[in-house]
Amino acid sequence: MSESRQVLVLHLATGGEPLVFAVSTRAGKSLLPRLSVLMGSGGVETTELEDGTSVAINFAHVASAHFDEFPAHARVYGTPRKGTGFGG
């Protein structure tokens, strides 16, 4: 059984492919209960990604947002880079 990671999926109001961010565990726990408030207010939120970087999201441009699970091997925004070879 493969591992999975928690991701934030954003569907923009302008359409197109959704944006998928691998959020850190801490950021996911913080953002999840506030997601509906951010969507309702159109607020801007800066959140930490799994690779240690951060992203600022303007929820005024987001039509829908939800958390989902992605396989650990899938590459999305914020996925930590792994080295090549057996070391990593």
C-alpha atoms as a PDB file:
ATOM      1  CA  MET A   1       0.000   0.000   0.000  1.00  0.00           C
ATOM      2  CA  SER A   2       1.468   3.353  -1.015  1.00  0.00           C
ATOM      3  CA  GLU A   3       1.539   6.438   1.155  1.00  0.00           C
ATOM      4  CA  SER A   4      -0.509   9.506   0.299  1.00  0.00           C
ATOM      5  CA  ARG A   5      -0.184  13.200   1.050  1.00  0.00           C
ATOM      6  CA  GLN A   6      -2.772  15.825   1.884  1.00  0.00           C
ATOM      7  CA  VAL A   7      -3.206  18.388  -0.860  1.00  0.00           C
ATOM      8  CA  LEU A   8      -5.237  21.548  -1.245  1.00  0.00           C
ATOM      9  CA  VAL A   9      -7.116  21.613  -4.555  1.00  0.00           C
ATOM     10  CA  LEU A  10      -8.224  25.013  -5.854  1.00  0.00           C
ATOM     11  CA  HIS A  11     -10.625  25.465  -8.765  1.00  0.00           C
ATOM     12  CA  LEU A  12     -10.282  29.008 -10.072  1.00  0.00           C
ATOM     13  CA  ALA A  13     -13.309  31.089 -11.008  1.00  0.00           C
ATOM     14  CA  THR A  14     -11.822  31.647 -14.477  1.00  0.00           C
ATOM     15  CA  GLY A  15     -11.830  27.905 -15.197  1.00  0.00           C
ATOM     16  CA  GLY A  16      -8.996  25.743 -16.440  1.00  0.00           C
ATOM     17  CA  GLU A  17      -7.150  22.989 -14.619  1.00  0.00           C
ATOM     18  CA  PRO A  18      -7.246  23.059 -10.821  1.00  0.00           C
ATOM     19  CA  LEU A  19      -4.191  24.144  -8.846  1.00  0.00           C
ATOM     20  CA  VAL A  20      -2.946  21.435  -6.487  1.00  0.00           C
ATOM     21  CA  PHE A  21      -0.672  22.241  -3.545  1.00  0.00           C
ATOM     22  CA  ALA A  22       1.037  19.774  -1.194  1.00  0.00           C
ATOM     23  CA  VAL A  23       0.463  21.584   2.105  1.00  0.00           C
ATOM     24  CA  SER A  24       2.449  20.877   5.245  1.00  0.00           C
ATOM     25  CA  THR A  25       0.666  18.923   7.974  1.00  0.00           C
ATOM     26  CA  ARG A  26       0.636  21.951  10.267  1.00  0.00           C
ATOM     27  CA  ALA A  27      -0.740  24.241   7.555  1.00  0.00           C
ATOM     28  CA  GLY A  28      -3.423  21.723   6.615  1.00  0.00           C
ATOM     29  CA  LYS A  29      -4.633  21.485  10.217  1.00  0.00           C
ATOM     30  CA  SER A  30      -4.724  25.273  10.452  1.00  0.00           C
ATOM     31  CA  LEU A  31      -6.372  25.910   7.087  1.00  0.00           C
ATOM     32  CA  LEU A  32      -9.047  23.217   7.068  1.00  0.00           C
ATOM     33  CA  PRO A  33     -11.379  24.740   9.703  1.00  0.00           C
ATOM     34  CA  ARG A  34     -11.019  28.221   8.155  1.00  0.00           C
ATOM     35  CA  LEU A  35     -11.511  27.243   4.514  1.00  0.00           C
ATOM     36  CA  SER A  36     -15.208  28.136   4.364  1.00  0.00           C
ATOM     37  CA  VAL A  37     -14.575  31.536   5.995  1.00  0.00           C
ATOM     38  CA  LEU A  38     -11.780  32.316   3.522  1.00  0.00           C
ATOM     39  CA  MET A  39     -13.995  31.277   0.612  1.00  0.00           C
ATOM     40  CA  GLY A  40     -16.869  33.422   1.900  1.00  0.00           C
ATOM     41  CA  SER A  41     -14.769  36.494   2.585  1.00  0.00           C
ATOM     42  CA  GLY A  42     -12.451  36.259  -0.409  1.00  0.00           C
ATOM     43  CA  GLY A  43      -9.513  36.652   1.941  1.00  0.00           C
ATOM     44  CA  VAL A  44      -5.833  36.209   1.164  1.00  0.00           C
ATOM     45  CA  GLU A  45      -3.989  33.446   3.018  1.00  0.00           C
ATOM     46  CA  THR A  46      -0.300  32.557   2.995  1.00  0.00           C
ATOM     47  CA  THR A  47       0.236  28.886   3.744  1.00  0.00           C
ATOM     48  CA  GLU A  48       3.287  26.655   4.147  1.00  0.00           C
ATOM     49  CA  LEU A  49       3.861  23.902   1.612  1.00  0.00           C
ATOM     50  CA  GLU A  50       5.357  20.484   2.243  1.00  0.00           C
ATOM     51  CA  ASP A  51       8.738  21.499   0.805  1.00  0.00           C
ATOM     52  CA  GLY A  52       9.092  24.450   3.211  1.00  0.00           C
ATOM     53  CA  THR A  53       8.128  27.154   0.725  1.00  0.00           C
ATOM     54  CA  SER A  54       4.927  29.143   1.018  1.00  0.00           C
ATOM     55  CA  VAL A  55       2.179  30.303  -1.296  1.00  0.00           C
ATOM     56  CA  ALA A  56      -0.223  33.243  -1.029  1.00  0.00           C
ATOM     57  CA  ILE A  57      -3.752  32.380  -2.150  1.00  0.00           C
ATOM     58  CA  ASN A  58      -6.319  35.041  -3.013  1.00  0.00           C
ATOM     59  CA  PHE A  59      -9.592  33.243  -2.326  1.00  0.00           C
ATOM     60  CA  ALA A  60     -11.525  35.975  -4.174  1.00  0.00           C
ATOM     61  CA  HIS A  61     -10.431  34.188  -7.380  1.00  0.00           C
ATOM     62  CA  VAL A  62     -11.253  30.659  -6.180  1.00  0.00           C
ATOM     63  CA  ALA A  63     -14.601  29.090  -7.145  1.00  0.00           C
ATOM     64  CA  SER A  64     -14.162  26.005  -4.957  1.00  0.00           C
ATOM     65  CA  ALA A  65     -11.506  24.569  -2.674  1.00  0.00           C
ATOM     66  CA  HIS A  66     -11.140  21.235  -0.940  1.00  0.00           C
ATOM     67  CA  PHE A  67      -8.581  18.944   0.640  1.00  0.00           C
ATOM     68  CA  ASP A  68      -7.848  15.607  -0.977  1.00  0.00           C
ATOM     69  CA  GLU A  69      -5.236  12.854  -0.874  1.00  0.00           C
ATOM     70  CA  PHE A  70      -2.703  12.292  -3.630  1.00  0.00           C
ATOM     71  CA  PRO A  71      -0.253   9.403  -3.958  1.00  0.00           C
ATOM     72  CA  ALA A  72       3.114  10.195  -2.401  1.00  0.00           C
ATOM     73  CA  HIS A  73       4.888   9.786  -5.754  1.00  0.00           C
ATOM     74  CA  ALA A  74       2.718  12.382  -7.562  1.00  0.00           C
ATOM     75  CA  ARG A  75       4.354  15.760  -8.229  1.00  0.00           C
ATOM     76  CA  VAL A  76       2.325  18.837  -7.324  1.00  0.00           C
ATOM     77  CA  TYR A  77       3.233  22.374  -6.207  1.00  0.00           C
ATOM     78  CA  GLY A  78       5.150  22.170  -2.945  1.00  0.00           C
ATOM     79  CA  THR A  79       6.300  18.563  -3.264  1.00  0.00           C
ATOM     80  CA  PRO A  80       9.804  18.187  -1.791  1.00  0.00           C
ATOM     81  CA  ARG A  81      12.463  17.375  -4.354  1.00  0.00           C
ATOM     82  CA  LYS A  82      14.083  13.992  -3.995  1.00  0.00           C
ATOM     83  CA  GLY A  83      17.668  13.252  -4.906  1.00  0.00           C
ATOM     84  CA  THR A  84      18.629  10.778  -7.581  1.00  0.00           C
ATOM     85  CA  GLY A  85      19.957   7.328  -6.975  1.00  0.00           C
ATOM     86  CA  PHE A  86      19.715   5.196  -3.865  1.00  0.00           C
ATOM     87  CA  GLY A  87      20.414   8.022  -1.438  1.00  0.00           C
ATOM     88  CA  GLY A  88      17.204   9.854  -1.806  1.00  0.00           C
END
